[in-house]
Amino acid sequence: MQLPFVGVPHVAVIGAGSWGTTFAKILADGGSRVAVWARRPELAREIMQSRRNSDYLPGINLPRGISASSRLPEVLEGAEQVYLSVPSQSLRENLRIIRELIPSDAIVVSLMKGVEMSTRQRMSEVIAQELEIGPERIAVVSGPNLALEIAKEQPTAAVVSSTVLATASAVAVIATNPYFRSFVNTDVIGTEFGGVLKNLIAVAIGIVDGVGYGENTKASIITRGLVEMTDFAVAFGARPETLSGLAGLGDLIATCESPLSRNNTAGRLLGQGYAFQEVIAQMNQTAEGLASVAPILELAGSKGVEMPIVSQVAEVLAGTLNPRDLAPHLTTDTHEPQGE
């Protein structure tokens, strides 16, 4: 009997949207055997038969190292690592479905960038609580990762973070290939909050872009937005240097500058005068930043952290602030930070 996969890592990806499918490609191109769970059977069939995911990654050919199914037991059986790529607000209910199917020694990896609205928990906290597993089995991935660019094999990098360095390293080895490099750190708080907070600043950038403001305004928001991100994350225990790296500044630049960013697109529609519900109706994929504004501001208030840019985004979402009046010059400090 032929055993073509002996010695090849077996991993599972839960979620066949643009990022889940792209990350499956990253893993397969790195040498892993990848099983993807697609909620819709017809999408699983397309991936298997045509090697395409035309809904989310048009024009991209997927490697043969990827299989797909709408049956969770089939996808999760024997997985050494399980990557989660579902909307952040549905993570908990998905975990309850797959809890008994995840192999007892598998590392669980979050590819999501959000905060649960009902509990204000980060994704790694939801995973730990629902699966009742320790930090040595949990990792998160974040960075300047626009799915379509990576699917086209344009070079980029990301951070894999776990409080246990060996866990982060085990994931980074799997999630590395010629066009995608994974670095590691142990600052899970900073890595996760960097991925969440940059989405909020990207919505602000989209708003002023939709209004018609230029590069000076956007540069001001990005710069002062990074200060807000860092102040917030550090208040919750993050290391400031994490926010200056790939998971913070790197992701912020990519998300704010690209029309491929869902959060940037949502903000641009708001800036053009669409109401919040109209924006939601036009978006065919989740813009995590829209769901994260309220919980982040509540968390900021609990630590006494001022976030004027994010607060104004909330007012635009509520319809109480004209997008043209979003003021990027507001900041928590009237002094520019000085170099060492």
Foldseek 3Di string as FASTA:
>chain_A
DDDVCVPAAEAEEEEDALQSQLQQQLLVQLGHQYEYAYLDQVQQVCCQPVQDRCVHANPFRGDPSYHYGNDLLVRQPPHQEYEYDDQQQCVLVVCLVCLVNHPPNHAYEYADAAAHLVPRHFSQVSVCVNNVDDQLRYKYKAFQPLRNCVSVLAADEIEIETLDQVSSVVVQSSSDHPRYHYHYDHFRLLLRLQSQQLLLLLLLLLLVVLLPDDDVLNVLSLVQSLVLSLVLSVLVPGDSVSLVDRSHSRNNCSQNPDPSHLSSNLSSVLNNPDALVVSVVPDPDDSNNVSHLVSSVVSCVVSVRDDLQSVVSVCSNVVNDRSVPRDSCDHPDVDDDDDD
